[in-house]
Amino acid sequence: MAAGQEDVKLLGVVGSPFVCRVQIALKLKGIEYKFVEENLANKSDLLLKSNPVHKKVPVFIHNEKPIAESLVIVEYIDETWKNNPILPSDPYHRALARFWSKFIDDKVFGAAWKSVFTLDEKEREKNVEESLEALQFLENELKDNKFFGGEEFGLVDIAAIFIAFWIPIFQEIAGLQIFTSEKFPKLYKWSQEFMSHPVVKEVLPPRDPLFAFFKARYESLSASK
């Protein structure tokens, strides 16, 4: 191991898909680290100092050097610890992995979130359509592979943990049918495979408290109509 436990910290909150990405990468590499839980309503001085631009989690601190943004952190971890590679070695495939990971953040995350946590019905419907369109692109990209990275999971799979774990919670709360085995059989099969992987299974947050948290948020939003 390149760093002892005292050298590696992760500032985060339980239940964040972005923090979960980093935890999957750390677990895959077998890196010991200290998890520092943040209160986002009362952010610590360490968080504000480590990520003064966005003031968000996750922040990864390696030998007192902070790095922000989950996909950037995952790439840094992959380049620093060489075992169990996360990105492909081929430059073209690395570029593709970066493209699809960014696609998930740009086209899936916001649309899926707004499909549930938006008051305006037309806006909600528009975002449901955008979510379905984006998921179809990923369904096509997966082809008949076990993971986006082939036989072993990689950057795109880690980026897509939001789809596998968080979207089913959101759609159940709102009574939506966005990500189902009927609509996206390959992607759905991938999600079950990915979430049952021992590395991923160990770092996923408990579902019930997360469900209760988002359900309360959704009901509070609905009540304000």
C-alpha atoms as a PDB file:
ATOM      1  CA  MET A   1       0.000   0.000   0.000  1.00  0.00           C
ATOM      2  CA  ALA A   2       1.347   3.392  -0.999  1.00  0.00           C
ATOM      3  CA  ALA A   3      -0.109   5.294   1.935  1.00  0.00           C
ATOM      4  CA  GLY A   4      -0.999   4.498   5.511  1.00  0.00           C
ATOM      5  CA  GLN A   5      -4.373   5.204   6.983  1.00  0.00           C
ATOM      6  CA  GLU A   6      -3.242   8.563   8.399  1.00  0.00           C
ATOM      7  CA  ASP A   7      -2.297   9.778   4.902  1.00  0.00           C
ATOM      8  CA  VAL A   8      -5.655   9.212   3.211  1.00  0.00           C
ATOM      9  CA  LYS A   9      -8.913  10.942   4.123  1.00  0.00           C
ATOM     10  CA  LEU A  10     -12.284  11.134   2.438  1.00  0.00           C
ATOM     11  CA  LEU A  11     -14.621  13.983   3.355  1.00  0.00           C
ATOM     12  CA  GLY A  12     -18.177  12.959   2.564  1.00  0.00           C
ATOM     13  CA  VAL A  13     -21.712  12.202   3.620  1.00  0.00           C
ATOM     14  CA  VAL A  14     -23.394   8.811   3.805  1.00  0.00           C
ATOM     15  CA  GLY A  15     -25.939   8.429   1.020  1.00  0.00           C
ATOM     16  CA  SER A  16     -24.202  10.535  -1.628  1.00  0.00           C
ATOM     17  CA  PRO A  17     -23.747   8.749  -4.967  1.00  0.00           C
ATOM     18  CA  PHE A  18     -20.674  10.914  -5.632  1.00  0.00           C
ATOM     19  CA  VAL A  19     -19.040   9.897  -2.352  1.00  0.00           C
ATOM     20  CA  CYS A  20     -20.002   6.277  -3.044  1.00  0.00           C
ATOM     21  CA  ARG A  21     -18.042   6.391  -6.330  1.00  0.00           C
ATOM     22  CA  VAL A  22     -14.860   7.237  -4.450  1.00  0.00           C
ATOM     23  CA  GLN A  23     -15.539   4.574  -1.817  1.00  0.00           C
ATOM     24  CA  ILE A  24     -15.913   1.926  -4.538  1.00  0.00           C
ATOM     25  CA  ALA A  25     -12.561   2.948  -6.068  1.00  0.00           C
ATOM     26  CA  LEU A  26     -10.823   2.891  -2.673  1.00  0.00           C
ATOM     27  CA  LYS A  27     -12.312  -0.492  -1.809  1.00  0.00           C
ATOM     28  CA  LEU A  28     -11.338  -1.943  -5.185  1.00  0.00           C
ATOM     29  CA  LYS A  29      -7.742  -0.809  -4.674  1.00  0.00           C
ATOM     30  CA  GLY A  30      -7.645  -1.990  -1.057  1.00  0.00           C
ATOM     31  CA  ILE A  31      -6.698   1.445   0.272  1.00  0.00           C
ATOM     32  CA  GLU A  32      -7.186   2.164   3.961  1.00  0.00           C
ATOM     33  CA  TYR A  33      -8.598   5.616   4.601  1.00  0.00           C
ATOM     34  CA  LYS A  34     -10.291   7.732   7.222  1.00  0.00           C
ATOM     35  CA  PHE A  35     -13.870   8.698   6.418  1.00  0.00           C
ATOM     36  CA  VAL A  36     -14.664  12.172   7.764  1.00  0.00           C
ATOM     37  CA  GLU A  37     -18.422  12.705   7.787  1.00  0.00           C
ATOM     38  CA  GLU A  38     -19.479  16.239   6.939  1.00  0.00           C
ATOM     39  CA  ASN A  39     -22.574  18.146   8.033  1.00  0.00           C
ATOM     40  CA  LEU A  40     -23.522  20.039   4.886  1.00  0.00           C
ATOM     41  CA  ALA A  41     -25.688  22.429   6.893  1.00  0.00           C
ATOM     42  CA  ASN A  42     -22.614  23.375   8.926  1.00  0.00           C
ATOM     43  CA  LYS A  43     -19.561  22.691   6.753  1.00  0.00           C
ATOM     44  CA  SER A  44     -16.249  22.099   8.480  1.00  0.00           C
ATOM     45  CA  ASP A  45     -13.275  24.408   8.091  1.00  0.00           C
ATOM     46  CA  LEU A  46     -11.399  21.468   6.586  1.00  0.00           C
ATOM     47  CA  LEU A  47     -14.011  21.091   3.819  1.00  0.00           C
ATOM     48  CA  LEU A  48     -14.130  24.835   3.092  1.00  0.00           C
ATOM     49  CA  LYS A  49     -10.344  25.004   2.991  1.00  0.00           C
ATOM     50  CA  SER A  50      -9.985  21.826   0.910  1.00  0.00           C
ATOM     51  CA  ASN A  51     -12.655  22.686  -1.669  1.00  0.00           C
ATOM     52  CA  PRO A  52     -13.077  26.477  -1.597  1.00  0.00           C
ATOM     53  CA  VAL A  53     -14.453  26.604  -5.166  1.00  0.00           C
ATOM     54  CA  HIS A  54     -17.497  24.314  -4.833  1.00  0.00           C
ATOM     55  CA  LYS A  55     -17.596  23.717  -1.054  1.00  0.00           C
ATOM     56  CA  LYS A  56     -19.000  20.240  -1.747  1.00  0.00           C
ATOM     57  CA  VAL A  57     -18.204  16.617  -0.968  1.00  0.00           C
ATOM     58  CA  PRO A  58     -16.494  14.387  -1.817  1.00  0.00           C
ATOM     59  CA  VAL A  59     -13.018  15.717  -1.140  1.00  0.00           C
ATOM     60  CA  PHE A  60     -10.121  13.271  -1.174  1.00  0.00           C
ATOM     61  CA  ILE A  61      -7.039  14.237   0.814  1.00  0.00           C
ATOM     62  CA  HIS A  62      -3.829  12.330   0.087  1.00  0.00           C
ATOM     63  CA  ASN A  63      -0.744  13.356   2.053  1.00  0.00           C
ATOM     64  CA  GLU A  64      -2.484  16.670   2.898  1.00  0.00           C
ATOM     65  CA  LYS A  65      -3.149  17.413  -0.799  1.00  0.00           C
ATOM     66  CA  PRO A  66      -6.902  17.824  -1.442  1.00  0.00           C
ATOM     67  CA  ILE A  67      -8.686  16.800  -4.643  1.00  0.00           C
ATOM     68  CA  ALA A  68     -12.345  17.542  -5.433  1.00  0.00           C
ATOM     69  CA  GLU A  69     -14.949  16.150  -7.887  1.00  0.00           C
ATOM     70  CA  SER A  70     -15.738  12.424  -7.755  1.00  0.00           C
ATOM     71  CA  LEU A  71     -14.637  11.424 -11.274  1.00  0.00           C
ATOM     72  CA  VAL A  72     -11.379  13.381 -10.939  1.00  0.00           C
ATOM     73  CA  ILE A  73     -10.756  11.667  -7.595  1.00  0.00           C
ATOM     74  CA  VAL A  74     -11.431   8.199  -9.037  1.00  0.00           C
ATOM     75  CA  GLU A  75      -8.934   8.857 -11.863  1.00  0.00           C
ATOM     76  CA  TYR A  76      -6.359  10.138  -9.367  1.00  0.00           C
ATOM     77  CA  ILE A  77      -6.765   6.999  -7.250  1.00  0.00           C
ATOM     78  CA  ASP A  78      -6.344   4.852 -10.356  1.00  0.00           C
ATOM     79  CA  GLU A  79      -3.164   6.632 -11.403  1.00  0.00           C
ATOM     80  CA  THR A  80      -1.667   6.592  -7.891  1.00  0.00           C
ATOM     81  CA  TRP A  81      -2.422   2.972  -6.982  1.00  0.00           C
ATOM     82  CA  LYS A  82      -1.741   0.749  -9.994  1.00  0.00           C
ATOM     83  CA  ASN A  83      -3.378  -2.508  -8.851  1.00  0.00           C
ATOM     84  CA  ASN A  84      -6.874  -3.398 -10.128  1.00  0.00           C
ATOM     85  CA  PRO A  85      -6.982  -0.767 -12.903  1.00  0.00           C
ATOM     86  CA  ILE A  86     -10.167   1.289 -13.241  1.00  0.00           C
ATOM     87  CA  LEU A  87      -9.468   2.935 -16.602  1.00  0.00           C
ATOM     88  CA  PRO A  88      -8.436   1.005 -19.734  1.00  0.00           C
ATOM     89  CA  SER A  89      -4.786   1.183 -20.777  1.00  0.00           C
ATOM     90  CA  ASP A  90      -5.664   1.950 -24.417  1.00  0.00           C
ATOM     91  CA  PRO A  91      -5.939   5.759 -24.998  1.00  0.00           C
ATOM     92  CA  TYR A  92      -9.046   5.462 -27.193  1.00  0.00           C
ATOM     93  CA  HIS A  93     -10.913   3.329 -24.679  1.00  0.00           C
ATOM     94  CA  ARG A  94      -9.800   5.644 -21.862  1.00  0.00           C
ATOM     95  CA  ALA A  95     -11.285   8.567 -23.794  1.00  0.00           C
ATOM     96  CA  LEU A  96     -14.541   6.658 -24.307  1.00  0.00           C
ATOM     97  CA  ALA A  97     -14.729   5.813 -20.585  1.00  0.00           C
ATOM     98  CA  ARG A  98     -14.304   9.504 -19.741  1.00  0.00           C
ATOM     99  CA  PHE A  99     -16.943  10.477 -22.304  1.00  0.00           C
ATOM    100  CA  TRP A 100     -19.611   8.106 -20.960  1.00  0.00           C
ATOM    101  CA  SER A 101     -18.829   8.949 -17.332  1.00  0.00           C
ATOM    102  CA  LYS A 102     -19.333  12.641 -18.086  1.00  0.00           C
ATOM    103  CA  PHE A 103     -22.474  11.768 -20.065  1.00  0.00           C
ATOM    104  CA  ILE A 104     -23.947  10.186 -16.929  1.00  0.00           C
ATOM    105  CA  ASP A 105     -23.316  13.353 -14.907  1.00  0.00           C
ATOM    106  CA  ASP A 106     -24.488  15.712 -17.662  1.00  0.00           C
ATOM    107  CA  LYS A 107     -27.497  13.830 -19.051  1.00  0.00           C
ATOM    108  CA  VAL A 108     -28.726  11.332 -16.458  1.00  0.00           C
ATOM    109  CA  PHE A 109     -28.202  12.775 -12.991  1.00  0.00           C
ATOM    110  CA  GLY A 110     -29.966  16.118 -13.371  1.00  0.00           C
ATOM    111  CA  ALA A 111     -32.845  14.789 -15.470  1.00  0.00           C
ATOM    112  CA  ALA A 112     -33.543  11.873 -13.119  1.00  0.00           C
ATOM    113  CA  TRP A 113     -33.416  14.158 -10.076  1.00  0.00           C
ATOM    114  CA  LYS A 114     -35.781  16.709 -11.633  1.00  0.00           C
ATOM    115  CA  SER A 115     -38.145  13.913 -12.719  1.00  0.00           C
ATOM    116  CA  VAL A 116     -38.940  13.494  -9.036  1.00  0.00           C
ATOM    117  CA  PHE A 117     -37.965  16.650  -7.174  1.00  0.00           C
ATOM    118  CA  THR A 118     -39.600  19.293  -9.384  1.00  0.00           C
ATOM    119  CA  LEU A 119     -42.993  20.886  -8.729  1.00  0.00           C
ATOM    120  CA  ASP A 120     -43.894  21.821 -12.300  1.00  0.00           C
ATOM    121  CA  GLU A 121     -45.643  18.894 -14.044  1.00  0.00           C
ATOM    122  CA  LYS A 122     -44.494  19.835 -17.557  1.00  0.00           C
ATOM    123  CA  GLU A 123     -40.920  20.199 -16.351  1.00  0.00           C
ATOM    124  CA  ARG A 124     -41.207  16.829 -14.645  1.00  0.00           C
ATOM    125  CA  GLU A 125     -42.502  15.115 -17.793  1.00  0.00           C
ATOM    126  CA  LYS A 126     -39.746  16.707 -19.873  1.00  0.00           C
ATOM    127  CA  ASN A 127     -37.130  15.357 -17.478  1.00  0.00           C
ATOM    128  CA  VAL A 128     -38.655  11.871 -17.485  1.00  0.00           C
ATOM    129  CA  GLU A 129     -38.332  11.869 -21.291  1.00  0.00           C
ATOM    130  CA  GLU A 130     -34.734  13.104 -21.081  1.00  0.00           C
ATOM    131  CA  SER A 131     -33.906  10.390 -18.535  1.00  0.00           C
ATOM    132  CA  LEU A 132     -35.365   7.676 -20.775  1.00  0.00           C
ATOM    133  CA  GLU A 133     -33.455   8.961 -23.794  1.00  0.00           C
ATOM    134  CA  ALA A 134     -30.160   9.065 -21.872  1.00  0.00           C
ATOM    135  CA  LEU A 135     -30.662   5.577 -20.423  1.00  0.00           C
ATOM    136  CA  GLN A 136     -31.336   4.257 -23.932  1.00  0.00           C
ATOM    137  CA  PHE A 137     -27.928   5.530 -25.059  1.00  0.00           C
ATOM    138  CA  LEU A 138     -26.334   3.629 -22.157  1.00  0.00           C
ATOM    139  CA  GLU A 139     -28.373   0.497 -22.933  1.00  0.00           C
ATOM    140  CA  ASN A 140     -26.994   0.599 -26.487  1.00  0.00           C
ATOM    141  CA  GLU A 141     -23.440   1.300 -25.309  1.00  0.00           C
ATOM    142  CA  LEU A 142     -23.448  -1.652 -22.891  1.00  0.00           C
ATOM    143  CA  LYS A 143     -24.146  -4.051 -25.797  1.00  0.00           C
ATOM    144  CA  ASP A 144     -23.787  -7.619 -24.468  1.00  0.00           C
ATOM    145  CA  ASN A 145     -20.980  -6.882 -22.034  1.00  0.00           C
ATOM    146  CA  LYS A 146     -21.187  -7.818 -18.369  1.00  0.00           C
ATOM    147  CA  PHE A 147     -19.899  -4.360 -17.368  1.00  0.00           C
ATOM    148  CA  PHE A 148     -19.178  -1.186 -19.307  1.00  0.00           C
ATOM    149  CA  GLY A 149     -15.522  -2.002 -18.671  1.00  0.00           C
ATOM    150  CA  GLY A 150     -15.899  -5.554 -20.075  1.00  0.00           C
ATOM    151  CA  GLU A 151     -15.543  -8.512 -17.743  1.00  0.00           C
ATOM    152  CA  GLU A 152     -14.334  -6.292 -14.876  1.00  0.00           C
ATOM    153  CA  PHE A 153     -16.015  -3.063 -13.831  1.00  0.00           C
ATOM    154  CA  GLY A 154     -14.348   0.280 -14.515  1.00  0.00           C
ATOM    155  CA  LEU A 155     -14.852   4.042 -14.557  1.00  0.00           C
ATOM    156  CA  VAL A 156     -18.227   4.084 -16.358  1.00  0.00           C
ATOM    157  CA  ASP A 157     -19.685   1.447 -14.041  1.00  0.00           C
ATOM    158  CA  ILE A 158     -18.521   3.403 -11.002  1.00  0.00           C
ATOM    159  CA  ALA A 159     -20.003   6.610 -12.448  1.00  0.00           C
ATOM    160  CA  ALA A 160     -23.281   4.777 -13.113  1.00  0.00           C
ATOM    161  CA  ILE A 161     -23.806   3.622  -9.507  1.00  0.00           C
ATOM    162  CA  PHE A 162     -26.349   6.462  -9.336  1.00  0.00           C
ATOM    163  CA  ILE A 163     -28.435   4.647 -11.970  1.00  0.00           C
ATOM    164  CA  ALA A 164     -28.149   1.234 -10.318  1.00  0.00           C
ATOM    165  CA  PHE A 165     -28.913   2.246  -6.721  1.00  0.00           C
ATOM    166  CA  TRP A 166     -30.383   5.749  -6.505  1.00  0.00           C
ATOM    167  CA  ILE A 167     -32.782   5.934  -9.487  1.00  0.00           C
ATOM    168  CA  PRO A 168     -34.807   2.872  -8.330  1.00  0.00           C
ATOM    169  CA  ILE A 169     -35.279   4.595  -4.946  1.00  0.00           C
ATOM    170  CA  PHE A 170     -36.382   7.855  -6.593  1.00  0.00           C
ATOM    171  CA  GLN A 171     -38.836   6.224  -8.975  1.00  0.00           C
ATOM    172  CA  GLU A 172     -40.394   4.096  -6.235  1.00  0.00           C
ATOM    173  CA  ILE A 173     -40.979   7.200  -4.114  1.00  0.00           C
ATOM    174  CA  ALA A 174     -42.580   9.104  -7.011  1.00  0.00           C
ATOM    175  CA  GLY A 175     -44.435   6.154  -8.557  1.00  0.00           C
ATOM    176  CA  LEU A 176     -42.523   6.470 -11.838  1.00  0.00           C
ATOM    177  CA  GLN A 177     -41.379   3.806 -14.304  1.00  0.00           C
ATOM    178  CA  ILE A 178     -38.073   5.177 -15.579  1.00  0.00           C
ATOM    179  CA  PHE A 179     -35.485   2.455 -15.083  1.00  0.00           C
ATOM    180  CA  THR A 180     -37.124  -0.972 -15.392  1.00  0.00           C
ATOM    181  CA  SER A 181     -36.079  -4.411 -16.652  1.00  0.00           C
ATOM    182  CA  GLU A 182     -38.743  -4.170 -19.383  1.00  0.00           C
ATOM    183  CA  LYS A 183     -37.502  -0.846 -20.758  1.00  0.00           C
ATOM    184  CA  PHE A 184     -33.770  -1.457 -20.364  1.00  0.00           C
ATOM    185  CA  PRO A 185     -33.087  -5.201 -19.992  1.00  0.00           C
ATOM    186  CA  LYS A 186     -29.310  -5.017 -20.529  1.00  0.00           C
ATOM    187  CA  LEU A 187     -28.824  -2.021 -18.252  1.00  0.00           C
ATOM    188  CA  TYR A 188     -31.075  -3.540 -15.580  1.00  0.00           C
ATOM    189  CA  LYS A 189     -29.140  -6.830 -15.672  1.00  0.00           C
ATOM    190  CA  TRP A 190     -25.899  -4.830 -15.440  1.00  0.00           C
ATOM    191  CA  SER A 191     -27.234  -2.949 -12.380  1.00  0.00           C
ATOM    192  CA  GLN A 192     -28.035  -6.181 -10.519  1.00  0.00           C
ATOM    193  CA  GLU A 193     -24.650  -7.636 -11.410  1.00  0.00           C
ATOM    194  CA  PHE A 194     -22.816  -4.490 -10.362  1.00  0.00           C
ATOM    195  CA  MET A 195     -24.626  -4.054  -7.041  1.00  0.00           C
ATOM    196  CA  SER A 196     -24.021  -7.686  -6.110  1.00  0.00           C
ATOM    197  CA  HIS A 197     -20.249  -7.378  -6.725  1.00  0.00           C
ATOM    198  CA  PRO A 198     -18.554  -7.869  -3.314  1.00  0.00           C
ATOM    199  CA  VAL A 199     -16.616  -4.574  -3.556  1.00  0.00           C
ATOM    200  CA  VAL A 200     -19.725  -2.542  -4.402  1.00  0.00           C
ATOM    201  CA  LYS A 201     -22.000  -4.373  -1.978  1.00  0.00           C
ATOM    202  CA  GLU A 202     -19.718  -3.505   0.917  1.00  0.00           C
ATOM    203  CA  VAL A 203     -19.782   0.265   0.368  1.00  0.00           C
ATOM    204  CA  LEU A 204     -23.404   0.850  -0.678  1.00  0.00           C
ATOM    205  CA  PRO A 205     -25.281   2.901   1.941  1.00  0.00           C
ATOM    206  CA  PRO A 206     -28.195   1.245   3.783  1.00  0.00           C
ATOM    207  CA  ARG A 207     -31.270   1.548   1.552  1.00  0.00           C
ATOM    208  CA  ASP A 208     -34.023   2.030   4.156  1.00  0.00           C
ATOM    209  CA  PRO A 209     -32.786   5.273   5.793  1.00  0.00           C
ATOM    210  CA  LEU A 210     -31.948   6.672   2.358  1.00  0.00           C
ATOM    211  CA  PHE A 211     -35.443   5.821   1.113  1.00  0.00           C
ATOM    212  CA  ALA A 212     -36.994   7.453   4.187  1.00  0.00           C
ATOM    213  CA  PHE A 213     -34.870  10.599   3.725  1.00  0.00           C
ATOM    214  CA  PHE A 214     -35.820  11.099   0.069  1.00  0.00           C
ATOM    215  CA  LYS A 215     -39.464  10.135   0.701  1.00  0.00           C
ATOM    216  CA  ALA A 216     -39.732  12.863   3.365  1.00  0.00           C
ATOM    217  CA  ARG A 217     -38.150  15.325   0.935  1.00  0.00           C
ATOM    218  CA  TYR A 218     -40.582  14.327  -1.824  1.00  0.00           C
ATOM    219  CA  GLU A 219     -43.617  14.565   0.477  1.00  0.00           C
ATOM    220  CA  SER A 220     -42.486  17.935   1.760  1.00  0.00           C
ATOM    221  CA  LEU A 221     -42.181  19.164  -1.832  1.00  0.00           C
ATOM    222  CA  SER A 222     -45.601  17.743  -2.778  1.00  0.00           C
ATOM    223  CA  ALA A 223     -47.190  19.386   0.269  1.00  0.00           C
ATOM    224  CA  SER A 224     -45.867  22.789  -0.825  1.00  0.00           C
ATOM    225  CA  LYS A 225     -47.804  22.686  -4.112  1.00  0.00           C
END
